[in-house]
Protein backbone atom coordinates (compact mmCIF):
# COMPACT_ATOMS: atom_id res chain seq x y z
CA MET A 1 106.85 108.77 98.79
CA CYS A 2 106.23 112.16 97.34
CA GLY A 3 105.66 114.44 94.39
CA ILE A 4 108.40 116.58 92.89
CA THR A 5 108.46 119.41 90.39
CA GLY A 6 110.60 122.31 89.21
CA ILE A 7 111.94 124.62 86.53
CA ILE A 8 115.43 125.55 85.38
CA ASP A 9 115.69 128.61 83.13
CA THR A 10 118.86 130.41 82.10
CA THR A 11 116.97 133.71 81.83
CA GLY A 12 116.45 133.82 85.61
CA THR A 13 112.64 134.12 85.54
CA VAL A 14 111.69 131.33 87.94
CA ARG A 15 109.21 132.41 90.63
CA ALA A 16 108.31 130.78 93.93
CA ASP A 17 104.56 131.27 93.40
CA ILE A 18 104.72 129.30 90.13
CA ILE A 19 106.61 126.46 91.81
CA GLY A 20 104.00 126.53 94.57
CA ARG A 21 101.20 126.29 92.03
CA MET A 22 102.88 123.30 90.39
CA CYS A 23 103.26 121.65 93.82
CA ASP A 24 99.59 122.17 94.56
CA THR A 25 98.69 119.78 91.72
CA LEU A 26 100.60 117.01 93.55
CA ILE A 27 99.11 117.29 97.04
CA HIS A 28 97.57 113.82 96.70
CA ARG A 29 101.10 112.41 96.33
CA GLY A 30 102.30 114.19 99.46
CA PRO A 31 99.64 115.52 101.85
CA ASP A 32 101.88 115.75 104.93
CA ASP A 33 104.20 118.62 104.02
CA GLY A 34 105.32 120.82 101.15
CA GLY A 35 108.08 123.22 100.28
CA CYS A 36 109.90 125.04 97.51
CA TRP A 37 113.34 126.53 96.93
CA VAL A 38 114.32 129.15 94.36
CA SER A 39 117.96 129.96 93.70
CA PRO A 40 119.17 133.53 94.46
CA ASP A 41 119.55 134.21 90.73
CA SER A 42 116.00 132.87 90.02
CA ALA A 43 117.45 130.39 87.53
CA VAL A 44 116.19 127.27 89.32
CA GLY A 45 113.13 126.40 91.35
CA LEU A 46 112.41 123.07 93.06
CA GLY A 47 109.12 122.00 94.64
CA HIS A 48 108.11 119.08 96.80
CA ARG A 49 105.08 117.44 98.40
CA ARG A 50 105.78 114.93 101.15
CA LEU A 51 104.15 111.67 102.20
CA SER A 52 105.99 110.87 105.44
CA ILE A 53 107.17 107.25 105.62
CA LEU A 54 110.62 107.37 107.29
CA ASP A 55 111.65 109.92 109.94
CA LEU A 56 108.26 111.56 110.35
CA SER A 57 109.85 114.62 111.95
CA PRO A 58 110.34 118.03 110.26
CA LEU A 59 113.94 116.95 109.56
CA GLY A 60 112.60 115.15 106.48
CA HIS A 61 111.35 118.38 104.92
CA GLN A 62 112.22 118.96 101.25
CA PRO A 63 113.71 120.53 99.21
CA MET A 64 116.71 119.38 101.24
CA SER A 65 120.30 120.63 101.17
CA ASP A 66 123.62 119.58 102.63
CA ASP A 67 125.01 121.56 105.56
CA GLN A 68 126.87 123.98 103.26
CA GLY A 69 124.18 124.51 100.62
CA ARG A 70 126.17 122.89 97.83
CA VAL A 71 123.30 120.66 96.68
CA GLN A 72 119.51 121.04 96.57
CA LEU A 73 117.38 117.90 96.19
CA VAL A 74 113.74 116.93 95.72
CA PHE A 75 113.17 113.19 95.87
CA ASN A 76 110.26 110.80 95.29
CA GLY A 77 110.64 107.17 96.33
CA GLU A 78 112.66 104.97 98.63
CA VAL A 79 116.33 103.98 98.72
CA TYR A 80 116.09 100.77 100.74
CA ASN A 81 119.81 100.37 101.41
CA PHE A 82 120.19 103.92 102.71
CA ARG A 83 121.34 102.82 106.18
CA SER A 84 124.35 100.88 104.88
CA LEU A 85 125.18 103.78 102.56
CA ARG A 86 124.90 106.20 105.47
CA ASP A 87 127.32 104.11 107.52
CA GLU A 88 129.79 104.16 104.65
CA LEU A 89 129.42 107.92 104.23
CA LYS A 90 129.88 108.47 107.96
CA SER A 91 133.18 106.60 107.73
CA LEU A 92 134.20 109.17 105.08
CA GLY A 93 133.47 112.01 107.49
CA TYR A 94 129.96 113.09 106.48
CA ARG A 95 127.52 113.98 109.27
CA PHE A 96 123.76 113.55 109.14
CA ARG A 97 120.93 115.51 110.71
CA SER A 98 118.02 113.23 109.84
CA ASP A 99 117.16 109.54 109.54
CA THR A 100 116.07 109.87 105.91
CA ASP A 101 117.22 108.34 102.65
CA THR A 102 116.90 111.81 101.08
CA GLU A 103 119.91 113.09 103.00
CA VAL A 104 121.88 109.98 102.03
CA ILE A 105 121.35 110.77 98.33
CA ILE A 106 122.77 114.26 98.87
CA TYR A 107 125.95 113.14 100.58
CA ALA A 108 126.36 110.16 98.24
CA TYR A 109 126.41 112.67 95.37
CA LEU A 110 128.97 114.84 97.17
CA ALA A 111 131.13 111.77 97.80
CA TRP A 112 130.86 109.94 94.48
CA GLY A 113 129.19 112.29 91.98
CA ILE A 114 126.22 111.29 89.87
CA GLU A 115 127.72 107.78 89.60
CA ALA A 116 126.31 107.28 93.12
CA ILE A 117 123.04 106.21 91.48
CA HIS A 118 124.62 102.82 90.80
CA ARG A 119 124.75 102.28 94.57
CA PHE A 120 121.04 103.00 95.19
CA GLU A 121 118.64 100.10 95.64
CA GLY A 122 114.98 100.96 95.37
CA MET A 123 112.46 103.06 93.49
CA PHE A 124 113.17 106.72 92.89
CA ALA A 125 112.75 109.78 90.75
CA PHE A 126 114.66 112.85 91.85
CA ALA A 127 115.94 116.25 90.77
CA LEU A 128 119.35 117.20 92.13
CA TYR A 129 120.75 120.67 91.56
CA ASP A 130 124.48 121.16 91.98
CA VAL A 131 124.59 124.80 93.10
CA ARG A 132 128.31 125.24 92.46
CA ALA A 133 128.26 123.81 88.93
CA ARG A 134 124.80 125.21 88.12
CA ARG A 135 123.89 121.77 86.86
CA LEU A 136 120.58 119.92 87.21
CA TYR A 137 120.16 116.15 87.11
CA LEU A 138 116.81 114.44 86.59
CA VAL A 139 117.07 110.75 87.50
CA ARG A 140 114.64 107.82 87.28
CA ASP A 141 115.06 104.34 88.80
CA ARG A 142 116.16 101.31 86.83
CA LEU A 143 112.75 99.71 86.18
CA GLY A 144 110.68 102.88 85.94
CA ILE A 145 108.73 102.34 89.16
CA LYS A 146 108.46 106.06 89.90
CA PRO A 147 107.48 108.53 87.14
CA LEU A 148 109.09 111.74 85.94
CA PHE A 149 107.93 114.00 83.09
CA TYR A 150 109.75 116.91 81.47
CA ALA A 151 109.32 119.50 78.74
CA GLN A 152 111.71 121.88 77.02
CA ALA A 153 109.84 125.17 76.79
CA GLY A 154 112.02 127.81 75.15
CA THR A 155 114.92 128.51 77.50
CA ALA A 156 113.27 126.58 80.34
CA MET A 157 113.24 122.92 81.34
CA VAL A 158 110.07 122.11 83.29
CA PHE A 159 109.55 118.80 85.12
CA GLY A 160 107.25 117.02 87.52
CA SER A 161 106.05 113.69 88.90
CA GLU A 162 102.87 114.02 86.85
CA ILE A 163 101.91 115.77 83.62
CA ARG A 164 99.54 118.08 85.49
CA ALA A 165 102.45 119.64 87.40
CA VAL A 166 104.29 120.41 84.15
CA LEU A 167 101.18 121.98 82.64
CA ALA A 168 100.62 124.07 85.78
CA SER A 169 103.83 125.99 85.00
CA GLN A 170 101.87 127.65 82.17
CA ARG A 171 105.07 127.57 80.12
CA VAL A 172 104.23 124.38 78.21
CA SER A 173 101.93 123.98 75.23
CA ARG A 174 98.76 121.90 75.57
CA GLU A 175 98.91 120.86 71.92
CA LEU A 176 97.81 117.23 71.59
CA SER A 177 99.67 114.62 69.56
CA PRO A 178 97.63 112.65 67.01
CA GLN A 179 100.50 110.16 66.84
CA ALA A 180 100.22 109.53 70.59
CA ALA A 181 96.47 108.97 70.26
CA TRP A 182 97.13 106.46 67.48
CA ASP A 183 99.73 104.66 69.58
CA PHE A 184 97.42 104.65 72.60
CA LEU A 185 94.72 102.74 70.74
CA GLY A 186 97.32 100.20 69.68
CA TYR A 187 98.86 99.49 73.08
CA GLY A 188 96.44 100.84 75.68
CA TYR A 189 99.02 103.42 76.77
CA VAL A 190 101.21 106.10 75.18
CA PRO A 191 104.69 104.51 74.92
CA THR A 192 107.78 106.15 76.44
CA PRO A 193 109.24 108.69 75.75
CA ASN A 194 106.07 110.32 74.37
CA THR A 195 102.92 111.61 76.03
CA ILE A 196 99.62 112.81 74.60
CA TYR A 197 101.10 116.33 74.66
CA THR A 198 103.58 117.06 71.88
CA GLN A 199 105.92 119.06 74.13
CA ILE A 200 105.95 116.80 77.22
CA HIS A 201 108.04 113.62 77.49
CA LYS A 202 108.46 110.74 79.90
CA LEU A 203 111.96 110.33 81.28
CA PRO A 204 112.78 106.70 80.34
CA PRO A 205 113.57 104.20 83.11
CA ALA A 206 117.24 103.95 84.14
CA SER A 207 117.94 107.38 82.68
CA VAL A 208 119.70 110.57 83.72
CA LEU A 209 118.85 113.87 82.06
CA ARG A 210 121.59 116.43 82.62
CA VAL A 211 120.70 120.10 82.14
CA GLU A 212 123.53 122.65 82.10
CA ASN A 213 123.89 126.07 80.47
CA GLY A 214 120.71 125.51 78.49
CA ALA A 215 121.97 122.24 76.97
CA THR A 216 120.66 118.75 77.77
CA GLU A 217 122.15 115.27 77.68
CA LEU A 218 120.13 112.07 78.18
CA THR A 219 121.97 108.87 79.15
CA GLN A 220 120.93 105.37 80.15
CA TYR A 221 122.81 104.03 83.16
CA TRP A 222 121.48 100.45 83.46
CA GLN A 223 119.84 97.60 81.59
CA PRO A 224 119.51 93.89 82.42
CA LYS A 225 121.90 91.42 80.82
CA PHE A 226 120.41 88.13 79.64
CA ALA A 227 121.80 84.60 79.60
CA CYS A 228 125.16 85.66 81.01
CA LEU A 229 125.27 83.26 84.00
CA GLY A 230 126.01 79.56 84.07
CA ASP A 231 124.39 78.67 87.40
CA SER A 232 122.88 75.21 87.80
CA PRO A 233 119.14 74.78 88.59
CA GLU A 234 119.89 73.95 92.24
CA THR A 235 122.16 76.96 92.67
CA ALA A 236 119.58 79.15 90.96
CA LYS A 237 116.76 78.00 93.24
CA ARG A 238 118.82 78.70 96.34
CA ARG A 239 119.92 82.11 95.11
CA VAL A 240 116.43 83.20 94.00
CA ARG A 241 115.04 82.35 97.41
CA GLU A 242 117.76 84.35 99.14
CA LEU A 243 117.22 87.38 96.91
CA VAL A 244 113.42 87.31 97.27
CA ASP A 245 113.61 87.05 101.05
CA GLN A 246 116.18 89.83 101.31
CA ALA A 247 114.14 92.12 99.08
CA VAL A 248 110.92 91.55 101.03
CA GLU A 249 112.72 92.23 104.32
CA ASP A 250 114.33 95.42 103.00
CA TYR A 251 111.07 96.71 101.54
CA LEU A 252 109.23 96.33 104.85
CA VAL A 253 111.18 99.13 106.56
CA SER A 254 108.64 101.76 107.57
CA ASP A 255 107.62 104.10 110.38
CA VAL A 256 103.94 103.85 109.39
CA PRO A 257 101.40 100.96 109.19
CA THR A 258 102.17 98.49 106.40
CA GLY A 259 100.07 95.87 104.55
CA ILE A 260 99.97 93.93 101.29
CA TYR A 261 97.90 93.58 98.12
CA LEU A 262 96.97 89.89 98.06
CA SER A 263 95.46 88.51 94.85
CA GLY A 264 95.91 84.84 95.65
CA GLY A 265 98.30 84.44 92.73
CA LEU A 266 101.83 83.09 92.93
CA ASP A 267 103.63 86.43 93.22
CA SER A 268 101.62 88.14 95.96
CA THR A 269 101.38 84.88 97.93
CA ILE A 270 105.16 84.48 97.96
CA VAL A 271 105.61 88.12 99.00
CA VAL A 272 103.09 87.87 101.84
CA GLY A 273 104.73 84.64 103.03
CA GLY A 274 108.12 86.33 103.21
CA ALA A 275 106.63 89.40 104.87
CA MET A 276 104.96 87.39 107.60
CA GLU A 277 108.23 85.61 108.38
CA VAL A 278 109.86 88.99 108.95
CA PHE A 279 106.85 90.35 110.80
CA HIS A 280 106.83 87.51 113.35
CA ARG A 281 110.59 87.31 113.75
CA PRO A 282 111.61 87.60 117.43
CA GLY A 283 113.74 90.51 118.60
CA PRO A 284 113.74 94.16 117.56
CA GLY A 285 114.37 93.37 113.87
CA LYS A 286 113.33 95.95 111.33
CA ARG A 287 110.94 98.85 111.90
CA LEU A 288 107.58 97.72 110.52
CA GLY A 289 105.35 100.67 111.42
CA GLY A 290 102.64 98.77 113.28
CA THR A 291 101.63 95.81 115.44
CA LYS A 292 99.56 93.91 112.84
CA PHE A 293 99.92 92.99 109.19
CA SER A 294 96.91 93.36 106.92
CA SER A 295 96.14 91.95 103.48
CA TYR A 296 93.71 93.44 100.97
CA SER A 297 91.91 91.78 98.07
CA ILE A 298 89.45 92.83 95.40
CA GLY A 299 86.80 90.65 93.79
CA PHE A 300 84.27 91.20 91.01
CA ASP A 301 80.55 90.77 90.47
CA VAL A 302 81.48 88.56 87.50
CA GLU A 303 82.36 85.23 89.10
CA GLU A 304 84.92 83.94 86.59
CA HIS A 305 87.11 87.04 87.08
CA SER A 306 87.23 86.86 90.88
CA GLU A 307 90.22 85.34 92.70
CA LEU A 308 88.94 85.87 96.25
CA PRO A 309 88.87 82.15 97.25
CA TYR A 310 92.62 81.90 96.59
CA ALA A 311 93.35 85.16 98.39
CA ARG A 312 91.42 83.89 101.41
CA ALA A 313 93.41 80.65 101.35
CA ALA A 314 96.71 82.57 101.38
CA ALA A 315 95.53 84.94 104.11
CA GLU A 316 94.40 82.04 106.28
CA ALA A 317 97.65 80.13 105.73
CA PHE A 318 99.82 83.08 106.78
CA GLY A 319 97.56 84.60 109.42
CA THR A 320 97.13 88.09 108.02
CA GLU A 321 94.28 90.35 109.07
CA HIS A 322 92.38 90.00 105.80
CA HIS A 323 90.05 92.48 104.11
CA GLU A 324 87.97 92.03 100.94
CA GLN A 325 85.88 94.24 98.68
CA ILE A 326 83.71 93.53 95.63
CA VAL A 327 83.79 95.88 92.64
CA THR A 328 80.56 95.95 90.62
CA ARG A 329 79.60 97.24 87.19
CA ASP A 330 77.81 100.21 88.75
CA MET A 331 80.92 101.07 90.77
CA ALA A 332 83.03 100.80 87.62
CA HIS A 333 80.83 103.22 85.68
CA THR A 334 80.58 105.62 88.61
CA SER A 335 84.37 105.77 89.04
CA SER A 336 85.32 105.64 85.34
CA GLN A 337 85.74 109.42 84.99
CA ASP A 338 87.94 109.58 88.11
CA VAL A 339 90.06 106.74 86.75
CA ILE A 340 90.51 108.39 83.35
CA ALA A 341 91.57 111.64 85.04
CA LEU A 342 94.29 109.89 87.08
CA PHE A 343 96.79 109.65 84.25
CA ASP A 344 96.58 113.10 82.58
CA GLU A 345 96.54 111.24 79.24
CA PRO A 346 94.63 108.28 77.75
CA PHE A 347 95.40 105.05 79.63
CA ALA A 348 93.36 101.85 79.32
CA ALA A 349 94.59 99.04 81.58
CA SER A 350 91.36 97.18 82.33
CA SER A 351 92.41 96.58 85.94
CA THR A 352 92.84 100.29 86.76
CA ILE A 353 89.30 100.59 88.17
CA PRO A 354 89.68 97.72 90.68
CA MET A 355 93.25 98.82 91.47
CA LEU A 356 92.01 102.27 92.46
CA SER A 357 89.30 100.67 94.60
CA LEU A 358 91.92 98.44 96.20
CA ALA A 359 94.17 101.41 96.97
CA LYS A 360 91.32 103.35 98.57
CA PHE A 361 90.34 100.26 100.54
CA ALA A 362 93.87 99.61 101.86
CA ARG A 363 94.51 103.29 102.62
CA GLN A 364 91.81 103.19 105.29
CA ASN A 365 94.28 101.30 107.49
CA VAL A 366 97.82 101.49 106.07
CA THR A 367 100.14 104.04 104.46
CA VAL A 368 102.50 101.50 102.84
CA ALA A 369 101.52 98.37 100.90
CA LEU A 370 103.61 95.67 99.25
CA SER A 371 102.61 94.15 95.91
CA GLY A 372 103.66 91.18 93.77
CA GLU A 373 103.99 93.41 90.70
CA GLY A 374 106.74 92.43 88.27
CA GLY A 375 106.97 88.69 88.90
CA ASP A 376 105.76 87.77 85.41
CA GLU A 377 108.24 90.04 83.65
CA VAL A 378 111.17 88.97 85.85
CA PHE A 379 110.55 85.21 85.86
CA GLY A 380 108.75 84.70 82.54
CA GLY A 381 105.14 84.17 83.53
CA TYR A 382 103.00 85.46 80.70
CA SER A 383 101.06 83.05 78.49
CA TRP A 384 102.17 84.82 75.32
CA TYR A 385 105.73 83.55 75.92
CA ARG A 386 104.56 79.96 75.61
CA TRP A 387 102.24 80.60 72.67
CA TRP A 388 104.85 82.58 70.74
CA GLN A 389 107.27 79.66 71.02
CA LYS A 390 104.63 77.17 69.93
CA PHE A 391 103.68 79.30 66.96
CA GLN A 392 107.32 79.49 65.84
CA GLN A 393 107.64 75.69 65.57
CA PRO A 394 107.99 74.49 61.94
CA GLY A 395 104.72 73.14 60.57
CA PHE A 396 102.63 74.23 63.56
CA TRP A 397 100.12 76.21 61.48
CA LYS A 398 99.44 73.23 59.21
CA THR A 399 98.20 71.07 62.08
CA SER A 400 94.49 70.99 62.95
CA PHE A 401 95.32 72.46 66.35
CA GLY A 402 97.27 75.26 64.68
CA GLN A 403 94.32 76.06 62.43
CA THR A 404 92.02 76.27 65.44
CA VAL A 405 94.45 78.44 67.38
CA ARG A 406 94.85 80.78 64.41
CA ARG A 407 91.09 81.39 64.23
CA VAL A 408 90.86 82.06 67.97
CA VAL A 409 93.91 84.36 68.14
CA GLU A 410 92.89 86.35 65.09
CA THR A 411 89.41 86.86 66.49
CA LEU A 412 90.69 87.91 69.90
CA THR A 413 93.21 90.33 68.39
CA GLY A 414 90.64 91.91 66.09
CA ARG A 415 91.99 90.52 62.79
CA PRO A 416 89.19 88.30 61.44
CA ARG A 417 89.59 89.91 58.01
CA ARG A 418 93.25 88.88 57.69
CA LYS A 419 93.21 85.20 58.69
CA TRP A 420 95.87 84.40 56.12
CA LEU A 421 98.37 86.76 57.74
CA LEU A 422 99.05 85.45 61.24
CA PRO A 423 101.27 82.43 60.37
CA SER A 424 103.50 84.56 58.15
CA LEU A 425 104.03 87.45 60.57
CA PRO A 426 107.62 88.30 61.53
CA PRO A 427 108.45 87.28 65.13
CA VAL A 428 108.05 90.76 66.64
CA GLU A 429 104.70 91.32 64.96
CA LEU A 430 103.43 87.93 66.09
CA TYR A 431 104.47 88.87 69.62
CA ALA A 432 102.58 92.18 69.25
CA GLN A 433 99.40 90.37 68.21
CA LEU A 434 99.63 87.99 71.17
CA MET A 435 100.02 91.06 73.40
CA GLY A 436 96.64 92.33 72.22
CA LEU A 437 97.79 94.99 69.78
CA MET A 438 94.83 96.76 68.18
CA ALA A 439 95.01 96.39 64.40
CA ALA A 440 95.76 99.43 62.25
CA GLU A 441 92.53 99.10 60.27
CA ASP A 442 90.52 99.13 63.51
CA ARG A 443 92.35 102.19 64.80
CA ALA A 444 91.73 103.92 61.48
CA ARG A 445 87.99 103.41 61.94
CA VAL A 446 88.09 105.72 64.97
CA PHE A 447 89.95 108.74 63.58
CA SER A 448 89.10 111.31 60.92
CA GLY A 449 90.72 111.08 57.51
CA ASP A 450 92.52 114.39 57.97
CA LEU A 451 94.01 113.25 61.28
CA LEU A 452 95.21 109.97 59.77
CA ALA A 453 96.84 111.87 56.93
CA SER A 454 98.79 113.99 59.43
CA MET A 455 100.45 111.02 61.13
CA GLY A 456 104.00 110.28 60.14
CA GLN A 457 104.27 106.87 61.85
CA ARG A 458 101.63 104.16 61.46
CA ASP A 459 103.83 101.12 62.10
CA GLU A 460 101.58 98.91 64.22
CA ALA A 461 104.35 97.47 66.37
CA ALA A 462 106.90 100.32 66.41
CA CYS A 463 107.08 100.42 70.22
CA PHE A 464 107.97 96.72 70.46
CA ARG A 465 110.19 96.76 67.39
CA ARG A 466 112.51 99.33 69.03
CA HIS A 467 113.34 96.84 71.79
CA TRP A 468 113.24 93.53 69.88
CA ARG A 469 116.65 91.80 70.06
CA ASP A 470 117.26 88.86 67.76
CA ASP A 471 120.54 88.17 69.60
CA LEU A 472 118.68 86.95 72.71
CA PRO A 473 117.19 83.51 73.38
CA ALA A 474 113.46 83.22 72.60
CA MET A 475 112.06 83.71 76.11
CA ALA A 476 114.58 86.39 77.03
CA ARG A 477 113.71 88.28 73.84
CA MET A 478 110.10 88.75 74.91
CA GLN A 479 110.96 89.39 78.55
CA TYR A 480 113.29 92.19 77.51
CA VAL A 481 110.57 93.89 75.47
CA ASP A 482 108.13 93.57 78.38
CA LEU A 483 110.67 95.02 80.84
CA MET A 484 111.23 97.99 78.52
CA THR A 485 107.58 98.66 77.56
CA PHE A 486 104.69 96.78 79.15
CA LEU A 487 106.09 96.87 82.68
CA PRO A 488 106.92 100.60 83.08
CA ASP A 489 104.36 102.06 80.68
CA LEU A 490 101.34 100.02 81.76
CA ASN A 491 101.75 97.94 84.92
CA LEU A 492 103.92 100.32 86.95
CA THR A 493 102.09 103.42 85.72
CA ARG A 494 98.81 101.90 86.86
CA ALA A 495 100.32 100.95 90.22
CA ASP A 496 101.81 104.40 90.83
CA ARG A 497 98.79 106.53 89.91
CA THR A 498 96.16 104.42 91.66
CA SER A 499 98.15 104.23 94.90
CA MET A 500 99.50 107.77 94.98
CA ASN A 501 96.08 109.20 94.16
CA VAL A 502 95.09 108.20 97.71
CA SER A 503 98.52 108.88 99.28
CA LEU A 504 99.46 105.21 99.55
CA GLU A 505 103.06 104.10 98.98
CA LEU A 506 103.14 100.89 96.95
CA ARG A 507 106.34 98.83 97.08
CA VAL A 508 107.34 96.11 94.63
CA PRO A 509 110.02 93.80 96.10
CA LEU A 510 110.06 91.44 93.10
CA LEU A 511 111.52 94.35 91.10
CA ASN A 512 114.57 94.64 93.32
CA HIS A 513 117.24 95.14 90.68
CA HIS A 514 119.56 92.46 92.10
CA LEU A 515 116.74 89.92 91.72
CA VAL A 516 115.95 91.19 88.21
CA GLU A 517 119.60 90.99 87.16
CA TYR A 518 120.00 87.48 88.51
CA SER A 519 116.84 86.05 86.95
CA CYS A 520 117.52 87.67 83.57
CA GLY A 521 121.10 86.37 83.64
CA LEU A 522 119.99 82.74 83.81
CA ALA A 523 119.55 80.55 80.76
CA ASP A 524 115.94 80.16 79.54
CA GLU A 525 115.94 76.47 80.43
CA VAL A 526 116.98 77.25 84.02
CA ARG A 527 114.52 80.10 84.54
CA ASN A 528 111.68 78.16 82.86
CA PRO A 529 112.59 74.45 83.20
CA GLY A 530 110.78 72.26 80.70
CA GLY A 531 109.12 75.37 79.31
CA GLU A 532 107.14 75.83 82.56
CA LEU A 533 106.26 79.49 83.02
CA LYS A 534 107.93 80.84 86.19
CA GLY A 535 109.07 77.29 86.92
CA LEU A 536 112.24 78.34 88.77
CA PHE A 537 110.41 80.93 90.88
CA LYS A 538 107.76 78.41 91.87
CA GLN A 539 110.26 75.65 92.68
CA ALA A 540 112.49 77.96 94.71
CA LEU A 541 109.64 78.87 97.07
CA TRP A 542 107.43 75.79 96.75
CA ASP A 543 107.21 75.17 100.49
CA ARG A 544 105.86 78.69 101.05
CA LEU A 545 102.83 78.15 98.81
CA PRO A 546 99.56 77.00 100.40
CA GLU A 547 98.18 73.85 98.76
CA PRO A 548 95.28 75.52 96.88
CA ILE A 549 97.73 77.86 95.16
CA ARG A 550 100.47 75.38 94.25
CA HIS A 551 98.67 73.86 91.27
CA ARG A 552 96.23 76.59 90.24
CA LYS A 553 96.35 77.86 86.68
CA LYS A 554 97.70 81.34 86.11
CA LYS A 555 95.04 84.05 86.04
CA GLY A 556 96.02 87.63 85.32
CA PHE A 557 94.51 90.47 87.32
CA SER A 558 92.03 91.87 84.82
CA ALA A 559 88.60 93.40 85.16
CA PRO A 560 85.51 92.11 83.31
CA VAL A 561 85.47 95.05 80.91
CA LYS A 562 83.46 93.12 78.32
CA GLN A 563 80.59 92.92 80.79
CA TRP A 564 81.17 96.37 82.32
CA PHE A 565 81.63 98.37 79.09
CA SER A 566 79.60 96.86 76.27
CA ARG A 567 79.61 97.84 72.61
CA GLU A 568 76.20 99.41 73.24
CA ASP A 569 77.76 101.63 75.95
CA LEU A 570 80.48 102.64 73.50
CA VAL A 571 78.09 103.54 70.69
CA ARG A 572 75.93 105.50 73.15
CA LEU A 573 78.98 107.51 74.21
CA ALA A 574 79.83 108.25 70.57
CA ARG A 575 76.26 109.44 70.02
CA ASP A 576 76.50 111.70 73.08
CA LEU A 577 79.73 113.16 71.72
CA ARG A 578 78.01 113.98 68.43
CA ALA A 579 75.51 116.07 70.39
CA GLU A 580 77.85 117.55 73.03
CA ARG A 581 81.13 118.02 71.16
CA PRO A 582 80.38 118.02 67.43
CA GLY A 583 83.73 119.70 66.77
CA LEU A 584 85.52 116.45 67.61
CA LEU A 585 83.95 114.78 64.57
CA GLY A 586 85.88 115.49 61.43
CA THR A 587 88.74 117.02 63.44
CA TRP A 588 89.75 114.12 65.68
CA LEU A 589 87.10 111.48 65.16
CA SER A 590 85.48 109.84 62.17
CA ASP A 591 82.20 111.34 60.92
CA ASP A 592 80.87 107.76 60.88
CA LEU A 593 82.17 106.97 64.37
CA GLU A 594 79.04 105.23 65.69
CA LYS A 595 78.81 102.89 62.71
CA ASN A 596 82.56 102.25 62.62
CA ILE A 597 82.87 101.16 66.26
CA ALA A 598 79.59 99.28 66.62
CA SER A 599 81.32 95.89 66.45
CA PHE A 600 84.05 96.63 69.02
CA GLU A 601 84.06 94.72 72.30
CA GLY A 602 86.41 93.75 75.13
CA SER A 603 89.75 95.55 75.28
CA ARG A 604 89.19 97.30 71.93
CA ALA A 605 85.91 98.77 73.14
CA TYR A 606 87.45 99.84 76.43
CA ARG A 607 90.37 101.59 74.74
CA VAL A 608 88.03 103.52 72.48
CA TRP A 609 85.79 104.30 75.46
CA VAL A 610 88.73 105.80 77.34
CA LEU A 611 89.92 107.80 74.33
CA LEU A 612 86.48 109.26 73.66
CA GLN A 613 85.97 110.18 77.30
CA TRP A 614 89.42 111.77 77.48
CA LEU A 615 88.96 113.79 74.27
CA ARG A 616 85.52 114.84 75.47
CA THR A 617 87.16 116.65 78.40
CA ASN A 618 90.56 117.66 77.04
CA ALA A 619 90.45 118.21 73.27
């Protein structure tokens, strides 16, 4: 796991010291080694910071080239099937110097061209420069597990694993995007392909950006296909179990100590069960980078948010060396500035604070950790799937239960003034409200009138609307949107930044693309039998679940932000801004900010809190 960066410029003005400066911003992603390469004509520069996981020797140094200097590569991530690919490449006559997946990518490209990416299993973001063709490829993995940012700056293309590396080139404008700030308040993140900076973009998941002779071409090379398989429930259960077990085994390969994030929920419990089977398997087996297997859990000082009893039950059942930590309100406030700075742009997942604490906690003992991330998106586990389907039933809103639900949902989503609207919302907008979209009128209360007037796009649900497919079955429709938006832009972004900030590699076996493709390909009634969320996943691995976890209700990993960041805290921050940064009022923020946000609480308050803190430092 690493950090990558670079510049390609047809004017031949790339300098090694600039690439080095960009690399320095990514040392936390790769503290073990660093390097840069600049082409003889100064048209291309590649930089790398290394976190050593496989082949800890200097042979893993990057940027890496083939034996004839035809290709230069900087790579962030893991290709888990690299050994089988290496065997295949050896049979074609290629010779290897190292035991790294990086070198396999190079020779796979030489053997099969850029189409080799279809053979890679894992998480990756890389920049590959074909020296002979003078062509650069920027590539991101299928699900968007690893990040990659880029900016076209005049004749130059600048890129990096994080926004800070792109900005360090000093070629890219720091102009902020009001539209991105508006979108952030709506979703809690800035949706792909945009960032808070007008000139910097996120490379979308499953994409290749080709740069050649000053021209660019962006292509998508993969997306899941839904409801294309006819497998029976019994066949599906057997196949899901096989795919989960194979993914967990593959993702355990490591030359450094390895552990697991254990929440006590269904996903992490199933992953730890599979990991312990591999860990205790007799014989040489796979390299696991240690002689013990540790699990790590976070709890809260607010009892109803803590899942520690279930995590303990799973740890005891599987015999891990278990570690726990409690995150308190004081800890949350103390670390809030560090958390906001992690993302280089506004980002407001409520669980980011405990996730960073968890990463720091685990990093004391391990360099690699597995996580159950992605199980809800892949197997249909979110509560909004069920509620959306209920709300679509004819006559539902006329029932007494429907009337009660409408009042609760509208209050939770910040729409008490538009109670008449919810039943008549189009399907995608109803989905957006169930996802916790912040209403347009509430967002407007934060910003100045001039800023609102400058925005071209104020469609509340534009991000979701782009990916809404009426041709898919009901459950698959929402899963597809989540896989394209919520998963990469929020969940995986949070996982990457919190772990890599402390030089911890976080692996997500439930996002193995073979498993994703199989689950998505099943009919809704097979994947979620009887409408049971994640029913197939649970049935396929029922015997692996400890008794306390088999029948527990789903509980998402979220922090008690309502108790940690109150409306009084938010108004106090706005008052401080009026004194410290008066220029923000009238330019970015409403002149009546304190009055306008005095009623906000929960996720709305936290999003505004993050935005104000971020603008305080960066605007």
